[in-house]
Amino acid sequence: MWLSPSLGETAGRALSSVLLSGLILLATWMTIGWIRPPDARAALAVGMLWLGLTLTFEFAVGHFGFRKTWAELLADYDLRRGRIWMVVLVATALAPLGMARFRQRRPTSGRAEGE
């Protein structure tokens, strides 16, 4: 809505995909402590659930709600045309695993262990 008129269709879509991926990573980083997957397998399962829900919503609402054709919906997956929507889907699928690992490596307080 705002980026494509300023940057052009391809650049606007690309930038919006990158920005949305960043927001997904940020939201996951902020909530992974609440989600608290017990291991990498569970974190990946959360990501796959999110991916499935995203795709279901995208295609169901896009086709049945906005009356887009299947070809129109699939056009966002055409990398040859500069459509990088797949970046958002990869971020969605892998964010819980990546953020859980990232948060595990960070110290939880400023004090050294044993103090």
PDB file of N, CA and C in Angstrom:
ATOM      1  N   MET A   1       0.813  -1.190   0.000  1.00  0.00           N
ATOM      2  CA  MET A   1       0.000   0.000   0.000  1.00  0.00           C
ATOM      3  C   MET A   1       0.864   1.265   0.000  1.00  0.00           C
ATOM      4  N   TRP A   2       1.942   1.282   0.803  1.00  0.00           N
ATOM      5  CA  TRP A   2       2.793   2.461   0.851  1.00  0.00           C
ATOM      6  C   TRP A   2       4.119   2.250   0.139  1.00  0.00           C
ATOM      7  N   LEU A   3       4.664   1.057   0.240  1.00  0.00           N
ATOM      8  CA  LEU A   3       5.996   0.821  -0.307  1.00  0.00           C
ATOM      9  C   LEU A   3       5.994   0.687  -1.825  1.00  0.00           C
ATOM     10  N   SER A   4       5.073  -0.077  -2.362  1.00  0.00           N
ATOM     11  CA  SER A   4       5.067  -0.321  -3.807  1.00  0.00           C
ATOM     12  C   SER A   4       4.899   0.947  -4.636  1.00  0.00           C
ATOM     13  N   PRO A   5       4.024   1.876  -4.268  1.00  0.00           N
ATOM     14  CA  PRO A   5       3.933   3.103  -5.063  1.00  0.00           C
ATOM     15  C   PRO A   5       5.233   3.915  -5.052  1.00  0.00           C
ATOM     16  N   SER A   6       5.961   3.868  -3.946  1.00  0.00           N
ATOM     17  CA  SER A   6       7.213   4.633  -3.834  1.00  0.00           C
ATOM     18  C   SER A   6       8.399   3.925  -4.479  1.00  0.00           C
ATOM     19  N   LEU A   7       8.483   2.619  -4.283  1.00  0.00           N
ATOM     20  CA  LEU A   7       9.660   1.867  -4.704  1.00  0.00           C
ATOM     21  C   LEU A   7       9.461   1.067  -5.984  1.00  0.00           C
ATOM     22  N   GLY A   8       8.240   0.881  -6.385  1.00  0.00           N
ATOM     23  CA  GLY A   8       7.938  -0.010  -7.498  1.00  0.00           C
ATOM     24  C   GLY A   8       7.422  -1.331  -6.955  1.00  0.00           C
ATOM     25  N   GLU A   9       6.722  -2.061  -7.808  1.00  0.00           N
ATOM     26  CA  GLU A   9       6.067  -3.305  -7.388  1.00  0.00           C
ATOM     27  C   GLU A   9       7.042  -4.327  -6.806  1.00  0.00           C
ATOM     28  N   THR A  10       8.106  -4.636  -7.543  1.00  0.00           N
ATOM     29  CA  THR A  10       9.036  -5.684  -7.106  1.00  0.00           C
ATOM     30  C   THR A  10       9.782  -5.287  -5.842  1.00  0.00           C
ATOM     31  N   ALA A  11      10.357  -4.098  -5.819  1.00  0.00           N
ATOM     32  CA  ALA A  11      11.111  -3.649  -4.642  1.00  0.00           C
ATOM     33  C   ALA A  11      10.192  -3.476  -3.436  1.00  0.00           C
ATOM     34  N   GLY A  12       8.995  -2.965  -3.655  1.00  0.00           N
ATOM     35  CA  GLY A  12       8.048  -2.787  -2.557  1.00  0.00           C
ATOM     36  C   GLY A  12       7.646  -4.109  -1.934  1.00  0.00           C
ATOM     37  N   ARG A  13       7.367  -5.088  -2.768  1.00  0.00           N
ATOM     38  CA  ARG A  13       7.011  -6.415  -2.241  1.00  0.00           C
ATOM     39  C   ARG A  13       8.189  -7.050  -1.518  1.00  0.00           C
ATOM     40  N   ALA A  14       9.381  -6.893  -2.067  1.00  0.00           N
ATOM     41  CA  ALA A  14      10.571  -7.474  -1.438  1.00  0.00           C
ATOM     42  C   ALA A  14      10.812  -6.850  -0.073  1.00  0.00           C
ATOM     43  N   LEU A  15      10.762  -5.526  -0.006  1.00  0.00           N
ATOM     44  CA  LEU A  15      10.986  -4.853   1.270  1.00  0.00           C
ATOM     45  C   LEU A  15       9.907  -5.210   2.286  1.00  0.00           C
ATOM     46  N   SER A  16       8.668  -5.288   1.850  1.00  0.00           N
ATOM     47  CA  SER A  16       7.605  -5.654   2.785  1.00  0.00           C
ATOM     48  C   SER A  16       7.791  -7.082   3.293  1.00  0.00           C
ATOM     49  N   SER A  17       8.285  -7.981   2.451  1.00  0.00           N
ATOM     50  CA  SER A  17       8.554  -9.358   2.892  1.00  0.00           C
ATOM     51  C   SER A  17       9.666  -9.396   3.928  1.00  0.00           C
ATOM     52  N   VAL A  18      10.708  -8.613   3.709  1.00  0.00           N
ATOM     53  CA  VAL A  18      11.825  -8.563   4.657  1.00  0.00           C
ATOM     54  C   VAL A  18      11.369  -7.939   5.979  1.00  0.00           C
ATOM     55  N   LEU A  19      10.607  -6.866   5.899  1.00  0.00           N
ATOM     56  CA  LEU A  19      10.105  -6.219   7.119  1.00  0.00           C
ATOM     57  C   LEU A  19       9.189  -7.153   7.908  1.00  0.00           C
ATOM     58  N   LEU A  20       8.294  -7.852   7.222  1.00  0.00           N
ATOM     59  CA  LEU A  20       7.409  -8.787   7.904  1.00  0.00           C
ATOM     60  C   LEU A  20       8.202  -9.926   8.543  1.00  0.00           C
ATOM     61  N   SER A  21       9.220 -10.406   7.863  1.00  0.00           N
ATOM     62  CA  SER A  21      10.074 -11.452   8.442  1.00  0.00           C
ATOM     63  C   SER A  21      10.735 -10.955   9.720  1.00  0.00           C
ATOM     64  N   GLY A  22      11.203  -9.726   9.701  1.00  0.00           N
ATOM     65  CA  GLY A  22      11.803  -9.139  10.898  1.00  0.00           C
ATOM     66  C   GLY A  22      10.809  -9.023  12.043  1.00  0.00           C
ATOM     67  N   LEU A  23       9.588  -8.624  11.726  1.00  0.00           N
ATOM     68  CA  LEU A  23       8.547  -8.536  12.761  1.00  0.00           C
ATOM     69  C   LEU A  23       8.203  -9.908  13.339  1.00  0.00           C
ATOM     70  N   ILE A  24       8.200 -10.917  12.481  1.00  0.00           N
ATOM     71  CA  ILE A  24       7.942 -12.285  12.954  1.00  0.00           C
ATOM     72  C   ILE A  24       9.044 -12.717  13.914  1.00  0.00           C
ATOM     73  N   LEU A  25      10.290 -12.443  13.553  1.00  0.00           N
ATOM     74  CA  LEU A  25      11.409 -12.800  14.425  1.00  0.00           C
ATOM     75  C   LEU A  25      11.336 -12.039  15.749  1.00  0.00           C
ATOM     76  N   LEU A  26      11.008 -10.759  15.693  1.00  0.00           N
ATOM     77  CA  LEU A  26      10.893  -9.959  16.912  1.00  0.00           C
ATOM     78  C   LEU A  26       9.767 -10.477  17.813  1.00  0.00           C
ATOM     79  N   ALA A  27       8.606 -10.719  17.235  1.00  0.00           N
ATOM     80  CA  ALA A  27       7.477 -11.228  18.026  1.00  0.00           C
ATOM     81  C   ALA A  27       7.800 -12.595  18.629  1.00  0.00           C
ATOM     82  N   THR A  28       8.499 -13.422  17.875  1.00  0.00           N
ATOM     83  CA  THR A  28       8.875 -14.744  18.391  1.00  0.00           C
ATOM     84  C   THR A  28       9.879 -14.605  19.520  1.00  0.00           C
ATOM     85  N   TRP A  29      10.858 -13.728  19.355  1.00  0.00           N
ATOM     86  CA  TRP A  29      11.852 -13.499  20.397  1.00  0.00           C
ATOM     87  C   TRP A  29      11.177 -13.036  21.689  1.00  0.00           C
ATOM     88  N   MET A  30      10.164 -12.172  21.536  1.00  0.00           N
ATOM     89  CA  MET A  30       9.470 -11.638  22.709  1.00  0.00           C
ATOM     90  C   MET A  30       8.572 -12.679  23.388  1.00  0.00           C
ATOM     91  N   THR A  31       8.093 -13.673  22.651  1.00  0.00           N
ATOM     92  CA  THR A  31       7.128 -14.621  23.214  1.00  0.00           C
ATOM     93  C   THR A  31       7.666 -16.034  23.417  1.00  0.00           C
ATOM     94  N   ILE A  32       8.888 -16.308  22.991  1.00  0.00           N
ATOM     95  CA  ILE A  32       9.378 -17.688  23.067  1.00  0.00           C
ATOM     96  C   ILE A  32       9.508 -18.155  24.519  1.00  0.00           C
ATOM     97  N   GLY A  33       9.754 -17.239  25.440  1.00  0.00           N
ATOM     98  CA  GLY A  33       9.793 -17.606  26.859  1.00  0.00           C
ATOM     99  C   GLY A  33       8.436 -18.055  27.366  1.00  0.00           C
ATOM    100  N   TRP A  34       7.385 -17.497  26.819  1.00  0.00           N
ATOM    101  CA  TRP A  34       6.020 -17.890  27.179  1.00  0.00           C
ATOM    102  C   TRP A  34       5.647 -19.208  26.500  1.00  0.00           C
ATOM    103  N   ILE A  35       6.053 -19.353  25.240  1.00  0.00           N
ATOM    104  CA  ILE A  35       5.762 -20.588  24.500  1.00  0.00           C
ATOM    105  C   ILE A  35       6.534 -21.752  25.109  1.00  0.00           C
ATOM    106  N   ARG A  36       7.777 -21.497  25.433  1.00  0.00           N
ATOM    107  CA  ARG A  36       8.663 -22.416  26.146  1.00  0.00           C
ATOM    108  C   ARG A  36       8.693 -23.842  25.580  1.00  0.00           C
ATOM    109  N   PRO A  37       9.135 -23.998  24.325  1.00  0.00           N
ATOM    110  CA  PRO A  37       9.247 -25.363  23.798  1.00  0.00           C
ATOM    111  C   PRO A  37      10.335 -26.121  24.566  1.00  0.00           C
ATOM    112  N   PRO A  38      10.076 -27.364  24.949  1.00  0.00           N
ATOM    113  CA  PRO A  38      11.038 -28.104  25.773  1.00  0.00           C
ATOM    114  C   PRO A  38      12.311 -28.509  25.036  1.00  0.00           C
ATOM    115  N   ASP A  39      12.248 -28.620  23.721  1.00  0.00           N
ATOM    116  CA  ASP A  39      13.434 -29.013  22.965  1.00  0.00           C
ATOM    117  C   ASP A  39      13.306 -28.507  21.528  1.00  0.00           C
ATOM    118  N   ALA A  40      14.357 -28.778  20.738  1.00  0.00           N
ATOM    119  CA  ALA A  40      14.391 -28.294  19.353  1.00  0.00           C
ATOM    120  C   ALA A  40      13.256 -28.878  18.521  1.00  0.00           C
ATOM    121  N   ARG A  41      12.937 -30.119  18.767  1.00  0.00           N
ATOM    122  CA  ARG A  41      11.865 -30.762  18.002  1.00  0.00           C
ATOM    123  C   ARG A  41      10.515 -30.070  18.247  1.00  0.00           C
ATOM    124  N   ALA A  42      10.254 -29.738  19.496  1.00  0.00           N
ATOM    125  CA  ALA A  42       9.007 -29.055  19.826  1.00  0.00           C
ATOM    126  C   ALA A  42       8.980 -27.642  19.235  1.00  0.00           C
ATOM    127  N   ALA A  43      10.120 -26.949  19.274  1.00  0.00           N
ATOM    128  CA  ALA A  43      10.199 -25.608  18.694  1.00  0.00           C
ATOM    129  C   ALA A  43       9.940 -25.665  17.188  1.00  0.00           C
ATOM    130  N   LEU A  44      10.497 -26.663  16.533  1.00  0.00           N
ATOM    131  CA  LEU A  44      10.261 -26.825  15.104  1.00  0.00           C
ATOM    132  C   LEU A  44       8.800 -27.178  14.830  1.00  0.00           C
ATOM    133  N   ALA A  45       8.200 -27.964  15.708  1.00  0.00           N
ATOM    134  CA  ALA A  45       6.784 -28.303  15.555  1.00  0.00           C
ATOM    135  C   ALA A  45       5.908 -27.053  15.675  1.00  0.00           C
ATOM    136  N   VAL A  46       6.260 -26.151  16.587  1.00  0.00           N
ATOM    137  CA  VAL A  46       5.529 -24.886  16.716  1.00  0.00           C
ATOM    138  C   VAL A  46       5.647 -24.099  15.413  1.00  0.00           C
ATOM    139  N   GLY A  47       6.850 -24.036  14.858  1.00  0.00           N
ATOM    140  CA  GLY A  47       7.064 -23.328  13.598  1.00  0.00           C
ATOM    141  C   GLY A  47       6.276 -23.937  12.443  1.00  0.00           C
ATOM    142  N   MET A  48       6.214 -25.243  12.395  1.00  0.00           N
ATOM    143  CA  MET A  48       5.450 -25.908  11.335  1.00  0.00           C
ATOM    144  C   MET A  48       3.952 -25.664  11.501  1.00  0.00           C
ATOM    145  N   LEU A  49       3.495 -25.618  12.754  1.00  0.00           N
ATOM    146  CA  LEU A  49       2.094 -25.281  13.011  1.00  0.00           C
ATOM    147  C   LEU A  49       1.804 -23.864  12.527  1.00  0.00           C
ATOM    148  N   TRP A  50       2.676 -22.927  12.867  1.00  0.00           N
ATOM    149  CA  TRP A  50       2.506 -21.540  12.429  1.00  0.00           C
ATOM    150  C   TRP A  50       2.493 -21.459  10.905  1.00  0.00           C
ATOM    151  N   LEU A  51       3.390 -22.203  10.262  1.00  0.00           N
ATOM    152  CA  LEU A  51       3.446 -22.205   8.802  1.00  0.00           C
ATOM    153  C   LEU A  51       2.145 -22.743   8.217  1.00  0.00           C
ATOM    154  N   GLY A  52       1.657 -23.843   8.755  1.00  0.00           N
ATOM    155  CA  GLY A  52       0.406 -24.422   8.272  1.00  0.00           C
ATOM    156  C   GLY A  52      -0.769 -23.470   8.442  1.00  0.00           C
ATOM    157  N   LEU A  53      -0.844 -22.813   9.587  1.00  0.00           N
ATOM    158  CA  LEU A  53      -1.919 -21.856   9.836  1.00  0.00           C
ATOM    159  C   LEU A  53      -1.810 -20.651   8.898  1.00  0.00           C
ATOM    160  N   THR A  54      -0.583 -20.188   8.666  1.00  0.00           N
ATOM    161  CA  THR A  54      -0.367 -19.057   7.761  1.00  0.00           C
ATOM    162  C   THR A  54      -0.822 -19.393   6.348  1.00  0.00           C
ATOM    163  N   LEU A  55      -0.401 -20.552   5.854  1.00  0.00           N
ATOM    164  CA  LEU A  55      -0.771 -20.951   4.493  1.00  0.00           C
ATOM    165  C   LEU A  55      -2.273 -21.186   4.366  1.00  0.00           C
ATOM    166  N   THR A  56      -2.857 -21.812   5.376  1.00  0.00           N
ATOM    167  CA  THR A  56      -4.302 -22.044   5.353  1.00  0.00           C
ATOM    168  C   THR A  56      -5.048 -20.721   5.306  1.00  0.00           C
ATOM    169  N   PHE A  57      -4.658 -19.792   6.153  1.00  0.00           N
ATOM    170  CA  PHE A  57      -5.302 -18.485   6.179  1.00  0.00           C
ATOM    171  C   PHE A  57      -5.109 -17.760   4.848  1.00  0.00           C
ATOM    172  N   GLU A  58      -3.867 -17.746   4.370  1.00  0.00           N
ATOM    173  CA  GLU A  58      -3.557 -17.033   3.131  1.00  0.00           C
ATOM    174  C   GLU A  58      -4.391 -17.538   1.955  1.00  0.00           C
ATOM    175  N   PHE A  59      -4.436 -18.841   1.783  1.00  0.00           N
ATOM    176  CA  PHE A  59      -5.152 -19.385   0.634  1.00  0.00           C
ATOM    177  C   PHE A  59      -6.667 -19.400   0.838  1.00  0.00           C
ATOM    178  N   ALA A  60      -7.127 -19.700   2.037  1.00  0.00           N
ATOM    179  CA  ALA A  60      -8.574 -19.725   2.272  1.00  0.00           C
ATOM    180  C   ALA A  60      -9.175 -18.324   2.169  1.00  0.00           C
ATOM    181  N   VAL A  61      -8.589 -17.373   2.875  1.00  0.00           N
ATOM    182  CA  VAL A  61      -9.118 -16.013   2.841  1.00  0.00           C
ATOM    183  C   VAL A  61      -8.865 -15.372   1.480  1.00  0.00           C
ATOM    184  N   GLY A  62      -7.690 -15.608   0.920  1.00  0.00           N
ATOM    185  CA  GLY A  62      -7.385 -15.042  -0.394  1.00  0.00           C
ATOM    186  C   GLY A  62      -8.333 -15.522  -1.474  1.00  0.00           C
ATOM    187  N   HIS A  63      -8.614 -16.813  -1.474  1.00  0.00           N
ATOM    188  CA  HIS A  63      -9.472 -17.377  -2.521  1.00  0.00           C
ATOM    189  C   HIS A  63     -10.954 -17.163  -2.239  1.00  0.00           C
ATOM    190  N   PHE A  64     -11.378 -17.544  -1.053  1.00  0.00           N
ATOM    191  CA  PHE A  64     -12.812 -17.504  -0.753  1.00  0.00           C
ATOM    192  C   PHE A  64     -13.283 -16.133  -0.248  1.00  0.00           C
ATOM    193  N   GLY A  65     -12.408 -15.413   0.446  1.00  0.00           N
ATOM    194  CA  GLY A  65     -12.790 -14.106   0.969  1.00  0.00           C
ATOM    195  C   GLY A  65     -12.581 -12.978  -0.027  1.00  0.00           C
ATOM    196  N   PHE A  66     -11.400 -12.964  -0.657  1.00  0.00           N
ATOM    197  CA  PHE A  66     -11.072 -11.882  -1.588  1.00  0.00           C
ATOM    198  C   PHE A  66     -11.264 -12.266  -3.045  1.00  0.00           C
ATOM    199  N   ARG A  67     -11.719 -13.489  -3.273  1.00  0.00           N
ATOM    200  CA  ARG A  67     -12.039 -13.977  -4.621  1.00  0.00           C
ATOM    201  C   ARG A  67     -10.856 -13.935  -5.586  1.00  0.00           C
ATOM    202  N   LYS A  68      -9.653 -14.165  -5.068  1.00  0.00           N
ATOM    203  CA  LYS A  68      -8.478 -14.257  -5.933  1.00  0.00           C
ATOM    204  C   LYS A  68      -8.413 -15.664  -6.519  1.00  0.00           C
ATOM    205  N   THR A  69      -7.912 -15.757  -7.732  1.00  0.00           N
ATOM    206  CA  THR A  69      -7.752 -17.078  -8.344  1.00  0.00           C
ATOM    207  C   THR A  69      -6.557 -17.770  -7.704  1.00  0.00           C
ATOM    208  N   TRP A  70      -6.500 -19.081  -7.872  1.00  0.00           N
ATOM    209  CA  TRP A  70      -5.356 -19.832  -7.347  1.00  0.00           C
ATOM    210  C   TRP A  70      -4.073 -19.350  -8.012  1.00  0.00           C
ATOM    211  N   ALA A  71      -4.131 -19.025  -9.296  1.00  0.00           N
ATOM    212  CA  ALA A  71      -2.951 -18.531 -10.018  1.00  0.00           C
ATOM    213  C   ALA A  71      -2.463 -17.204  -9.431  1.00  0.00           C
ATOM    214  N   GLU A  72      -3.396 -16.334  -9.074  1.00  0.00           N
ATOM    215  CA  GLU A  72      -3.016 -15.058  -8.456  1.00  0.00           C
ATOM    216  C   GLU A  72      -2.339 -15.291  -7.105  1.00  0.00           C
ATOM    217  N   LEU A  73      -2.873 -16.211  -6.349  1.00  0.00           N
ATOM    218  CA  LEU A  73      -2.294 -16.510  -5.039  1.00  0.00           C
ATOM    219  C   LEU A  73      -0.914 -17.139  -5.173  1.00  0.00           C
ATOM    220  N   LEU A  74      -0.749 -18.020  -6.133  1.00  0.00           N
ATOM    221  CA  LEU A  74       0.538 -18.687  -6.335  1.00  0.00           C
ATOM    222  C   LEU A  74       1.595 -17.770  -6.942  1.00  0.00           C
ATOM    223  N   ALA A  75       1.175 -16.652  -7.530  1.00  0.00           N
ATOM    224  CA  ALA A  75       2.127 -15.719  -8.146  1.00  0.00           C
ATOM    225  C   ALA A  75       3.124 -15.178  -7.123  1.00  0.00           C
ATOM    226  N   ASP A  76       2.738 -15.078  -5.864  1.00  0.00           N
ATOM    227  CA  ASP A  76       3.652 -14.583  -4.838  1.00  0.00           C
ATOM    228  C   ASP A  76       4.798 -15.548  -4.550  1.00  0.00           C
ATOM    229  N   TYR A  77       4.736 -16.734  -5.112  1.00  0.00           N
ATOM    230  CA  TYR A  77       5.786 -17.732  -4.899  1.00  0.00           C
ATOM    231  C   TYR A  77       6.738 -17.844  -6.088  1.00  0.00           C
ATOM    232  N   ASP A  78       6.592 -16.983  -7.071  1.00  0.00           N
ATOM    233  CA  ASP A  78       7.403 -17.037  -8.288  1.00  0.00           C
ATOM    234  C   ASP A  78       8.685 -16.231  -8.095  1.00  0.00           C
ATOM    235  N   LEU A  79       9.747 -16.929  -7.702  1.00  0.00           N
ATOM    236  CA  LEU A  79      11.028 -16.268  -7.458  1.00  0.00           C
ATOM    237  C   LEU A  79      11.603 -15.636  -8.728  1.00  0.00           C
ATOM    238  N   ARG A  80      11.283 -16.189  -9.889  1.00  0.00           N
ATOM    239  CA  ARG A  80      11.783 -15.634 -11.154  1.00  0.00           C
ATOM    240  C   ARG A  80      11.250 -14.223 -11.402  1.00  0.00           C
ATOM    241  N   ARG A  81      10.118 -13.895 -10.799  1.00  0.00           N
ATOM    242  CA  ARG A  81       9.534 -12.567 -10.943  1.00  0.00           C
ATOM    243  C   ARG A  81       9.875 -11.661  -9.761  1.00  0.00           C
ATOM    244  N   GLY A  82      10.834 -12.084  -8.959  1.00  0.00           N
ATOM    245  CA  GLY A  82      11.264 -11.280  -7.822  1.00  0.00           C
ATOM    246  C   GLY A  82      10.362 -11.357  -6.614  1.00  0.00           C
ATOM    247  N   ARG A  83       9.492 -12.317  -6.581  1.00  0.00           N
ATOM    248  CA  ARG A  83       8.574 -12.483  -5.443  1.00  0.00           C
ATOM    249  C   ARG A  83       9.266 -13.324  -4.385  1.00  0.00           C
ATOM    250  N   ILE A  84       9.556 -12.726  -3.272  1.00  0.00           N
ATOM    251  CA  ILE A  84      10.297 -13.438  -2.219  1.00  0.00           C
ATOM    252  C   ILE A  84       9.437 -13.707  -0.980  1.00  0.00           C
ATOM    253  N   TRP A  85       8.149 -13.882  -1.175  1.00  0.00           N
ATOM    254  CA  TRP A  85       7.242 -14.199  -0.073  1.00  0.00           C
ATOM    255  C   TRP A  85       7.710 -15.438   0.680  1.00  0.00           C
ATOM    256  N   MET A  86       8.457 -16.304   0.005  1.00  0.00           N
ATOM    257  CA  MET A  86       8.961 -17.520   0.652  1.00  0.00           C
ATOM    258  C   MET A  86       9.831 -17.193   1.866  1.00  0.00           C
ATOM    259  N   VAL A  87      10.479 -16.031   1.851  1.00  0.00           N
ATOM    260  CA  VAL A  87      11.298 -15.613   2.985  1.00  0.00           C
ATOM    261  C   VAL A  87      10.428 -15.506   4.240  1.00  0.00           C
ATOM    262  N   VAL A  88       9.236 -14.975   4.094  1.00  0.00           N
ATOM    263  CA  VAL A  88       8.311 -14.850   5.221  1.00  0.00           C
ATOM    264  C   VAL A  88       7.918 -16.238   5.735  1.00  0.00           C
ATOM    265  N   LEU A  89       7.669 -17.156   4.821  1.00  0.00           N
ATOM    266  CA  LEU A  89       7.270 -18.502   5.238  1.00  0.00           C
ATOM    267  C   LEU A  89       8.421 -19.229   5.936  1.00  0.00           C
ATOM    268  N   VAL A  90       9.636 -19.056   5.440  1.00  0.00           N
ATOM    269  CA  VAL A  90      10.799 -19.671   6.097  1.00  0.00           C
ATOM    270  C   VAL A  90      10.989 -19.059   7.482  1.00  0.00           C
ATOM    271  N   ALA A  91      10.871 -17.740   7.587  1.00  0.00           N
ATOM    272  CA  ALA A  91      10.986 -17.078   8.891  1.00  0.00           C
ATOM    273  C   ALA A  91       9.919 -17.588   9.855  1.00  0.00           C
ATOM    274  N   THR A  92       8.713 -17.747   9.368  1.00  0.00           N
ATOM    275  CA  THR A  92       7.615 -18.242  10.198  1.00  0.00           C
ATOM    276  C   THR A  92       7.905 -19.649  10.708  1.00  0.00           C
ATOM    277  N   ALA A  93       8.390 -20.500   9.819  1.00  0.00           N
ATOM    278  CA  ALA A  93       8.646 -21.893  10.183  1.00  0.00           C
ATOM    279  C   ALA A  93       9.829 -22.050  11.137  1.00  0.00           C
ATOM    280  N   LEU A  94      10.874 -21.257  10.947  1.00  0.00           N
ATOM    281  CA  LEU A  94      12.107 -21.454  11.712  1.00  0.00           C
ATOM    282  C   LEU A  94      12.270 -20.505  12.895  1.00  0.00           C
ATOM    283  N   ALA A  95      11.426 -19.495  13.012  1.00  0.00           N
ATOM    284  CA  ALA A  95      11.564 -18.518  14.098  1.00  0.00           C
ATOM    285  C   ALA A  95      11.521 -19.148  15.491  1.00  0.00           C
ATOM    286  N   PRO A  96      10.581 -20.040  15.793  1.00  0.00           N
ATOM    287  CA  PRO A  96      10.578 -20.607  17.150  1.00  0.00           C
ATOM    288  C   PRO A  96      11.868 -21.368  17.483  1.00  0.00           C
ATOM    289  N   LEU A  97      12.368 -22.130  16.553  1.00  0.00           N
ATOM    290  CA  LEU A  97      13.615 -22.868  16.787  1.00  0.00           C
ATOM    291  C   LEU A  97      14.783 -21.908  16.960  1.00  0.00           C
ATOM    292  N   GLY A  98      14.906 -20.946  16.059  1.00  0.00           N
ATOM    293  CA  GLY A  98      16.013 -19.997  16.129  1.00  0.00           C
ATOM    294  C   GLY A  98      15.979 -19.142  17.379  1.00  0.00           C
ATOM    295  N   MET A  99      14.822 -18.634  17.718  1.00  0.00           N
ATOM    296  CA  MET A  99      14.720 -17.765  18.897  1.00  0.00           C
ATOM    297  C   MET A  99      14.871 -18.552  20.197  1.00  0.00           C
ATOM    298  N   ALA A 100      14.392 -19.785  20.236  1.00  0.00           N
ATOM    299  CA  ALA A 100      14.585 -20.611  21.437  1.00  0.00           C
ATOM    300  C   ALA A 100      16.074 -20.856  21.654  1.00  0.00           C
ATOM    301  N   ARG A 101      16.790 -21.156  20.597  1.00  0.00           N
ATOM    302  CA  ARG A 101      18.244 -21.370  20.717  1.00  0.00           C
ATOM    303  C   ARG A 101      18.949 -20.082  21.105  1.00  0.00           C
ATOM    304  N   PHE A 102      18.552 -18.977  20.510  1.00  0.00           N
ATOM    305  CA  PHE A 102      19.159 -17.688  20.820  1.00  0.00           C
ATOM    306  C   PHE A 102      18.923 -17.312  22.274  1.00  0.00           C
ATOM    307  N   ARG A 103      17.714 -17.474  22.748  1.00  0.00           N
ATOM    308  CA  ARG A 103      17.388 -17.108  24.127  1.00  0.00           C
ATOM    309  C   ARG A 103      18.090 -18.013  25.133  1.00  0.00           C
ATOM    310  N   GLN A 104      18.336 -19.282  24.781  1.00  0.00           N
ATOM    311  CA  GLN A 104      19.026 -20.197  25.692  1.00  0.00           C
ATOM    312  C   GLN A 104      20.475 -19.794  25.892  1.00  0.00           C
ATOM    313  N   ARG A 105      21.080 -19.170  24.905  1.00  0.00           N
ATOM    314  CA  ARG A 105      22.493 -18.786  24.985  1.00  0.00           C
ATOM    315  C   ARG A 105      22.711 -17.516  25.786  1.00  0.00           C
ATOM    316  N   ARG A 106      21.676 -16.700  25.933  1.00  0.00           N
ATOM    317  CA  ARG A 106      21.813 -15.423  26.621  1.00  0.00           C
ATOM    318  C   ARG A 106      21.687 -15.605  28.119  1.00  0.00           C
ATOM    319  N   PRO A 107      22.519 -14.902  28.891  1.00  0.00           N
ATOM    320  CA  PRO A 107      22.355 -14.957  30.353  1.00  0.00           C
ATOM    321  C   PRO A 107      21.043 -14.290  30.742  1.00  0.00           C
ATOM    322  N   THR A 108      20.407 -14.821  31.779  1.00  0.00           N
ATOM    323  CA  THR A 108      19.105 -14.300  32.198  1.00  0.00           C
ATOM    324  C   THR A 108      19.231 -13.131  33.142  1.00  0.00           C
ATOM    325  N   SER A 109      20.404 -12.929  33.744  1.00  0.00           N
ATOM    326  CA  SER A 109      20.595 -11.767  34.616  1.00  0.00           C
ATOM    327  C   SER A 109      22.002 -11.238  34.426  1.00  0.00           C
ATOM    328  N   GLY A 110      22.289 -10.110  35.017  1.00  0.00           N
ATOM    329  CA  GLY A 110      23.598  -9.500  34.897  1.00  0.00           C
ATOM    330  C   GLY A 110      24.626 -10.094  35.836  1.00  0.00           C
ATOM    331  N   ARG A 111      24.192 -10.957  36.755  1.00  0.00           N
ATOM    332  CA  ARG A 111      25.113 -11.532  37.738  1.00  0.00           C
ATOM    333  C   ARG A 111      25.813 -12.748  37.180  1.00  0.00           C
ATOM    334  N   ALA A 112      27.031 -12.949  37.602  1.00  0.00           N
ATOM    335  CA  ALA A 112      27.781 -14.140  37.193  1.00  0.00           C
ATOM    336  C   ALA A 112      27.203 -15.346  37.916  1.00  0.00           C
ATOM    337  N   GLU A 113      27.387 -16.503  37.327  1.00  0.00           N
ATOM    338  CA  GLU A 113      26.881 -17.730  37.918  1.00  0.00           C
ATOM    339  C   GLU A 113      27.553 -17.994  39.260  1.00  0.00           C
ATOM    340  N   GLY A 114      26.775 -18.361  40.255  1.00  0.00           N
ATOM    341  CA  GLY A 114      27.316 -18.694  41.571  1.00  0.00           C
ATOM    342  C   GLY A 114      27.305 -17.518  42.532  1.00  0.00           C
ATOM    343  N   GLU A 115      26.961 -16.316  42.091  1.00  0.00           N
ATOM    344  CA  GLU A 115      26.925 -15.177  42.982  1.00  0.00           C
ATOM    345  C   GLU A 115      25.631 -15.138  43.750  1.00  0.00           C
TER     346      GLU A 115
END
